[in-house]
Amino acid sequence: MIITEMKWRECVDFQSGHRLGRVVCAKDDWAYVVPIYYAFTKKLVLRVLTLRQKVEWMRVIVQELTAR
């Protein structure tokens, strides 16, 4: 597989055509993939997380990253 950088227009077209995505978090050398639903416009991405554990884990990761 060849991975290339997407242009802004390609990103907008791709994201506006989908509603389900994934966010990958890492904690204690473990990767955690979080499925998310989102709505996308040219100026806004609205994410919806449904399970509390996912939200709590992501908050911990954000706190650890911002503390650095």
PDB file of N, CA and C in Angstrom:
ATOM      1  N   MET A   1       0.839  -1.165   0.000  1.00  0.00           N
ATOM      2  CA  MET A   1       0.000   0.000   0.000  1.00  0.00           C
ATOM      3  C   MET A   1       0.893   1.240   0.000  1.00  0.00           C
ATOM      4  N   ILE A   2       0.566   2.173  -0.855  1.00  0.00           N
ATOM      5  CA  ILE A   2       1.291   3.435  -0.902  1.00  0.00           C
ATOM      6  C   ILE A   2       0.445   4.494  -0.210  1.00  0.00           C
ATOM      7  N   ILE A   3       1.011   5.132   0.790  1.00  0.00           N
ATOM      8  CA  ILE A   3       0.305   6.171   1.535  1.00  0.00           C
ATOM      9  C   ILE A   3       0.797   7.522   1.056  1.00  0.00           C
ATOM     10  N   THR A   4      -0.135   8.379   0.676  1.00  0.00           N
ATOM     11  CA  THR A   4       0.216   9.721   0.221  1.00  0.00           C
ATOM     12  C   THR A   4      -0.585  10.756   0.990  1.00  0.00           C
ATOM     13  N   GLU A   5      -0.114  11.971   0.981  1.00  0.00           N
ATOM     14  CA  GLU A   5      -0.818  13.062   1.655  1.00  0.00           C
ATOM     15  C   GLU A   5      -2.023  13.483   0.821  1.00  0.00           C
ATOM     16  N   MET A   6      -3.146  13.715   1.502  1.00  0.00           N
ATOM     17  CA  MET A   6      -4.350  14.151   0.803  1.00  0.00           C
ATOM     18  C   MET A   6      -4.414  15.675   0.787  1.00  0.00           C
ATOM     19  N   LYS A   7      -4.892  16.206  -0.289  1.00  0.00           N
ATOM     20  CA  LYS A   7      -5.138  17.641  -0.382  1.00  0.00           C
ATOM     21  C   LYS A   7      -6.382  17.980   0.436  1.00  0.00           C
ATOM     22  N   TRP A   8      -6.539  19.252   0.817  1.00  0.00           N
ATOM     23  CA  TRP A   8      -7.677  19.682   1.639  1.00  0.00           C
ATOM     24  C   TRP A   8      -8.992  19.288   0.976  1.00  0.00           C
ATOM     25  N   ARG A   9      -9.142  19.525  -0.305  1.00  0.00           N
ATOM     26  CA  ARG A   9     -10.388  19.219  -1.019  1.00  0.00           C
ATOM     27  C   ARG A   9     -10.682  17.718  -0.976  1.00  0.00           C
ATOM     28  N   GLU A  10      -9.666  16.890  -1.093  1.00  0.00           N
ATOM     29  CA  GLU A  10      -9.849  15.441  -1.011  1.00  0.00           C
ATOM     30  C   GLU A  10     -10.330  15.033   0.380  1.00  0.00           C
ATOM     31  N   CYS A  11      -9.785  15.666   1.414  1.00  0.00           N
ATOM     32  CA  CYS A  11     -10.217  15.384   2.793  1.00  0.00           C
ATOM     33  C   CYS A  11     -11.676  15.769   2.991  1.00  0.00           C
ATOM     34  N   VAL A  12     -12.051  16.960   2.508  1.00  0.00           N
ATOM     35  CA  VAL A  12     -13.435  17.429   2.636  1.00  0.00           C
ATOM     36  C   VAL A  12     -14.383  16.477   1.912  1.00  0.00           C
ATOM     37  N   ASP A  13     -14.048  16.114   0.694  1.00  0.00           N
ATOM     38  CA  ASP A  13     -14.906  15.209  -0.075  1.00  0.00           C
ATOM     39  C   ASP A  13     -15.050  13.853   0.610  1.00  0.00           C
ATOM     40  N   PHE A  14     -13.948  13.319   1.123  1.00  0.00           N
ATOM     41  CA  PHE A  14     -13.986  12.016   1.784  1.00  0.00           C
ATOM     42  C   PHE A  14     -14.820  12.072   3.061  1.00  0.00           C
ATOM     43  N   GLN A  15     -14.541  13.047   3.924  1.00  0.00           N
ATOM     44  CA  GLN A  15     -15.238  13.111   5.207  1.00  0.00           C
ATOM     45  C   GLN A  15     -16.709  13.465   5.060  1.00  0.00           C
ATOM     46  N   SER A  16     -17.046  14.293   4.095  1.00  0.00           N
ATOM     47  CA  SER A  16     -18.449  14.666   3.930  1.00  0.00           C
ATOM     48  C   SER A  16     -19.284  13.504   3.406  1.00  0.00           C
ATOM     49  N   GLY A  17     -18.647  12.485   2.858  1.00  0.00           N
ATOM     50  CA  GLY A  17     -19.365  11.325   2.355  1.00  0.00           C
ATOM     51  C   GLY A  17     -19.494  10.193   3.354  1.00  0.00           C
ATOM     52  N   HIS A  18     -19.013  10.368   4.570  1.00  0.00           N
ATOM     53  CA  HIS A  18     -19.040   9.313   5.585  1.00  0.00           C
ATOM     54  C   HIS A  18     -19.590   9.849   6.904  1.00  0.00           C
ATOM     55  N   ARG A  19     -20.026   8.950   7.765  1.00  0.00           N
ATOM     56  CA  ARG A  19     -20.523   9.327   9.093  1.00  0.00           C
ATOM     57  C   ARG A  19     -19.884   8.512  10.211  1.00  0.00           C
ATOM     58  N   LEU A  20     -19.209   7.431   9.863  1.00  0.00           N
ATOM     59  CA  LEU A  20     -18.563   6.577  10.855  1.00  0.00           C
ATOM     60  C   LEU A  20     -17.061   6.662  10.655  1.00  0.00           C
ATOM     61  N   GLY A  21     -16.344   6.896  11.750  1.00  0.00           N
ATOM     62  CA  GLY A  21     -14.891   6.971  11.680  1.00  0.00           C
ATOM     63  C   GLY A  21     -14.277   6.276  12.879  1.00  0.00           C
ATOM     64  N   ARG A  22     -12.981   6.381  13.009  1.00  0.00           N
ATOM     65  CA  ARG A  22     -12.265   5.769  14.137  1.00  0.00           C
ATOM     66  C   ARG A  22     -11.212   6.731  14.642  1.00  0.00           C
ATOM     67  N   VAL A  23     -11.077   6.781  15.949  1.00  0.00           N
ATOM     68  CA  VAL A  23     -10.015   7.539  16.594  1.00  0.00           C
ATOM     69  C   VAL A  23      -9.142   6.521  17.308  1.00  0.00           C
ATOM     70  N   VAL A  24      -7.854   6.624  17.143  1.00  0.00           N
ATOM     71  CA  VAL A  24      -6.936   5.692  17.792  1.00  0.00           C
ATOM     72  C   VAL A  24      -6.269   6.397  18.961  1.00  0.00           C
ATOM     73  N   CYS A  25      -6.358   5.798  20.137  1.00  0.00           N
ATOM     74  CA  CYS A  25      -5.722   6.315  21.342  1.00  0.00           C
ATOM     75  C   CYS A  25      -4.652   5.313  21.766  1.00  0.00           C
ATOM     76  N   ALA A  26      -3.642   5.798  22.445  1.00  0.00           N
ATOM     77  CA  ALA A  26      -2.604   4.909  22.964  1.00  0.00           C
ATOM     78  C   ALA A  26      -2.398   5.208  24.438  1.00  0.00           C
ATOM     79  N   LYS A  27      -2.342   4.155  25.247  1.00  0.00           N
ATOM     80  CA  LYS A  27      -2.120   4.308  26.684  1.00  0.00           C
ATOM     81  C   LYS A  27      -1.349   3.098  27.169  1.00  0.00           C
ATOM     82  N   ASP A  28      -0.278   3.338  27.901  1.00  0.00           N
ATOM     83  CA  ASP A  28       0.534   2.254  28.463  1.00  0.00           C
ATOM     84  C   ASP A  28       0.937   1.235  27.392  1.00  0.00           C
ATOM     85  N   ASP A  29       1.397   1.733  26.258  1.00  0.00           N
ATOM     86  CA  ASP A  29       1.850   0.901  25.140  1.00  0.00           C
ATOM     87  C   ASP A  29       0.753   0.047  24.510  1.00  0.00           C
ATOM     88  N   TRP A  30      -0.502   0.415  24.726  1.00  0.00           N
ATOM     89  CA  TRP A  30      -1.611  -0.277  24.087  1.00  0.00           C
ATOM     90  C   TRP A  30      -2.348   0.715  23.202  1.00  0.00           C
ATOM     91  N   ALA A  31      -2.697   0.283  22.004  1.00  0.00           N
ATOM     92  CA  ALA A  31      -3.520   1.105  21.116  1.00  0.00           C
ATOM     93  C   ALA A  31      -4.983   0.755  21.362  1.00  0.00           C
ATOM     94  N   TYR A  32      -5.812   1.762  21.362  1.00  0.00           N
ATOM     95  CA  TYR A  32      -7.233   1.586  21.609  1.00  0.00           C
ATOM     96  C   TYR A  32      -7.974   2.307  20.493  1.00  0.00           C
ATOM     97  N   VAL A  33      -8.734   1.580  19.689  1.00  0.00           N
ATOM     98  CA  VAL A  33      -9.458   2.159  18.565  1.00  0.00           C
ATOM     99  C   VAL A  33     -10.889   2.444  18.999  1.00  0.00           C
ATOM    100  N   VAL A  34     -11.294   3.694  18.854  1.00  0.00           N
ATOM    101  CA  VAL A  34     -12.616   4.133  19.284  1.00  0.00           C
ATOM    102  C   VAL A  34     -13.461   4.442  18.046  1.00  0.00           C
ATOM    103  N   PRO A  35     -14.522   3.676  17.809  1.00  0.00           N
ATOM    104  CA  PRO A  35     -15.405   4.047  16.700  1.00  0.00           C
ATOM    105  C   PRO A  35     -16.213   5.284  17.088  1.00  0.00           C
ATOM    106  N   ILE A  36     -16.336   6.213  16.167  1.00  0.00           N
ATOM    107  CA  ILE A  36     -17.098   7.436  16.431  1.00  0.00           C
ATOM    108  C   ILE A  36     -18.045   7.705  15.265  1.00  0.00           C
ATOM    109  N   TYR A  37     -19.128   8.365  15.573  1.00  0.00           N
ATOM    110  CA  TYR A  37     -20.003   8.916  14.544  1.00  0.00           C
ATOM    111  C   TYR A  37     -19.734  10.401  14.495  1.00  0.00           C
ATOM    112  N   TYR A  38     -19.778  10.964  13.305  1.00  0.00           N
ATOM    113  CA  TYR A  38     -19.510  12.392  13.194  1.00  0.00           C
ATOM    114  C   TYR A  38     -20.330  13.001  12.063  1.00  0.00           C
ATOM    115  N   ALA A  39     -20.502  14.301  12.158  1.00  0.00           N
ATOM    116  CA  ALA A  39     -21.085  15.095  11.081  1.00  0.00           C
ATOM    117  C   ALA A  39     -20.005  16.064  10.639  1.00  0.00           C
ATOM    118  N   PHE A  40     -19.907  16.303   9.357  1.00  0.00           N
ATOM    119  CA  PHE A  40     -18.819  17.121   8.837  1.00  0.00           C
ATOM    120  C   PHE A  40     -19.362  18.200   7.913  1.00  0.00           C
ATOM    121  N   THR A  41     -18.912  19.423   8.135  1.00  0.00           N
ATOM    122  CA  THR A  41     -19.130  20.512   7.187  1.00  0.00           C
ATOM    123  C   THR A  41     -17.760  21.080   6.870  1.00  0.00           C
ATOM    124  N   LYS A  42     -17.702  22.055   6.012  1.00  0.00           N
ATOM    125  CA  LYS A  42     -16.409  22.626   5.639  1.00  0.00           C
ATOM    126  C   LYS A  42     -15.719  23.317   6.804  1.00  0.00           C
ATOM    127  N   LYS A  43     -16.486  23.705   7.835  1.00  0.00           N
ATOM    128  CA  LYS A  43     -15.902  24.445   8.954  1.00  0.00           C
ATOM    129  C   LYS A  43     -15.967  23.711  10.285  1.00  0.00           C
ATOM    130  N   LEU A  44     -16.658  22.588  10.353  1.00  0.00           N
ATOM    131  CA  LEU A  44     -16.910  21.963  11.648  1.00  0.00           C
ATOM    132  C   LEU A  44     -16.965  20.449  11.526  1.00  0.00           C
ATOM    133  N   VAL A  45     -16.371  19.775  12.505  1.00  0.00           N
ATOM    134  CA  VAL A  45     -16.537  18.332  12.640  1.00  0.00           C
ATOM    135  C   VAL A  45     -17.156  18.098  14.004  1.00  0.00           C
ATOM    136  N   LEU A  46     -18.323  17.491  14.040  1.00  0.00           N
ATOM    137  CA  LEU A  46     -19.006  17.180  15.291  1.00  0.00           C
ATOM    138  C   LEU A  46     -18.844  15.695  15.546  1.00  0.00           C
ATOM    139  N   ARG A  47     -18.210  15.352  16.677  1.00  0.00           N
ATOM    140  CA  ARG A  47     -17.975  13.949  17.014  1.00  0.00           C
ATOM    141  C   ARG A  47     -18.943  13.530  18.113  1.00  0.00           C
ATOM    142  N   VAL A  48     -19.344  12.288  18.065  1.00  0.00           N
ATOM    143  CA  VAL A  48     -20.222  11.742  19.091  1.00  0.00           C
ATOM    144  C   VAL A  48     -19.611  10.441  19.598  1.00  0.00           C
ATOM    145  N   LEU A  49     -19.265  10.408  20.881  1.00  0.00           N
ATOM    146  CA  LEU A  49     -18.781   9.181  21.522  1.00  0.00           C
ATOM    147  C   LEU A  49     -19.876   8.694  22.454  1.00  0.00           C
ATOM    148  N   THR A  50     -20.117   7.392  22.451  1.00  0.00           N
ATOM    149  CA  THR A  50     -21.267   6.897  23.193  1.00  0.00           C
ATOM    150  C   THR A  50     -20.921   6.153  24.476  1.00  0.00           C
ATOM    151  N   LEU A  51     -19.803   5.501  24.539  1.00  0.00           N
ATOM    152  CA  LEU A  51     -19.507   4.715  25.729  1.00  0.00           C
ATOM    153  C   LEU A  51     -18.623   5.496  26.691  1.00  0.00           C
ATOM    154  N   ARG A  52     -18.986   5.494  27.947  1.00  0.00           N
ATOM    155  CA  ARG A  52     -18.289   6.290  28.955  1.00  0.00           C
ATOM    156  C   ARG A  52     -16.809   5.933  29.082  1.00  0.00           C
ATOM    157  N   GLN A  53     -16.476   4.667  28.990  1.00  0.00           N
ATOM    158  CA  GLN A  53     -15.076   4.253  29.122  1.00  0.00           C
ATOM    159  C   GLN A  53     -14.218   4.916  28.056  1.00  0.00           C
ATOM    160  N   LYS A  54     -14.723   4.991  26.855  1.00  0.00           N
ATOM    161  CA  LYS A  54     -13.970   5.608  25.777  1.00  0.00           C
ATOM    162  C   LYS A  54     -13.703   7.075  26.082  1.00  0.00           C
ATOM    163  N   VAL A  55     -14.714   7.762  26.563  1.00  0.00           N
ATOM    164  CA  VAL A  55     -14.577   9.182  26.875  1.00  0.00           C
ATOM    165  C   VAL A  55     -13.591   9.383  28.017  1.00  0.00           C
ATOM    166  N   GLU A  56     -13.714   8.584  29.070  1.00  0.00           N
ATOM    167  CA  GLU A  56     -12.809   8.726  30.214  1.00  0.00           C
ATOM    168  C   GLU A  56     -11.365   8.446  29.814  1.00  0.00           C
ATOM    169  N   TRP A  57     -11.145   7.418  29.018  1.00  0.00           N
ATOM    170  CA  TRP A  57      -9.794   7.080  28.598  1.00  0.00           C
ATOM    171  C   TRP A  57      -9.205   8.201  27.741  1.00  0.00           C
ATOM    172  N   MET A  58     -10.000   8.729  26.854  1.00  0.00           N
ATOM    173  CA  MET A  58      -9.508   9.814  26.008  1.00  0.00           C
ATOM    174  C   MET A  58      -9.183  11.049  26.841  1.00  0.00           C
ATOM    175  N   ARG A  59      -9.964  11.327  27.879  1.00  0.00           N
ATOM    176  CA  ARG A  59      -9.670  12.468  28.763  1.00  0.00           C
ATOM    177  C   ARG A  59      -8.335  12.280  29.472  1.00  0.00           C
ATOM    178  N   VAL A  60      -8.073  11.074  29.933  1.00  0.00           N
ATOM    179  CA  VAL A  60      -6.797  10.796  30.598  1.00  0.00           C
ATOM    180  C   VAL A  60      -5.643  11.026  29.639  1.00  0.00           C
ATOM    181  N   ILE A  61      -5.782  10.546  28.433  1.00  0.00           N
ATOM    182  CA  ILE A  61      -4.718  10.722  27.445  1.00  0.00           C
ATOM    183  C   ILE A  61      -4.498  12.201  27.148  1.00  0.00           C
ATOM    184  N   VAL A  62      -5.566  12.957  26.990  1.00  0.00           N
ATOM    185  CA  VAL A  62      -5.444  14.397  26.730  1.00  0.00           C
ATOM    186  C   VAL A  62      -4.762  15.089  27.902  1.00  0.00           C
ATOM    187  N   GLN A  63      -5.128  14.733  29.134  1.00  0.00           N
ATOM    188  CA  GLN A  63      -4.493  15.337  30.310  1.00  0.00           C
ATOM    189  C   GLN A  63      -3.005  15.027  30.343  1.00  0.00           C
ATOM    190  N   GLU A  64      -2.645  13.789  30.028  1.00  0.00           N
ATOM    191  CA  GLU A  64      -1.228  13.419  30.024  1.00  0.00           C
ATOM    192  C   GLU A  64      -0.464  14.179  28.949  1.00  0.00           C
ATOM    193  N   LEU A  65      -1.068  14.340  27.793  1.00  0.00           N
ATOM    194  CA  LEU A  65      -0.391  15.044  26.707  1.00  0.00           C
ATOM    195  C   LEU A  65      -0.244  16.533  26.996  1.00  0.00           C
ATOM    196  N   THR A  66      -1.257  17.143  27.590  1.00  0.00           N
ATOM    197  CA  THR A  66      -1.178  18.581  27.872  1.00  0.00           C
ATOM    198  C   THR A  66      -0.284  18.875  29.067  1.00  0.00           C
ATOM    199  N   ALA A  67      -0.024  17.885  29.906  1.00  0.00           N
ATOM    200  CA  ALA A  67       0.851  18.090  31.063  1.00  0.00           C
ATOM    201  C   ALA A  67       2.323  18.082  30.668  1.00  0.00           C
ATOM    202  N   ARG A  68       2.632  17.616  29.485  1.00  0.00           N
ATOM    203  CA  ARG A  68       4.034  17.519  29.040  1.00  0.00           C
ATOM    204  C   ARG A  68       4.594  18.859  28.681  1.00  0.00           C
TER     205      ARG A  68
END
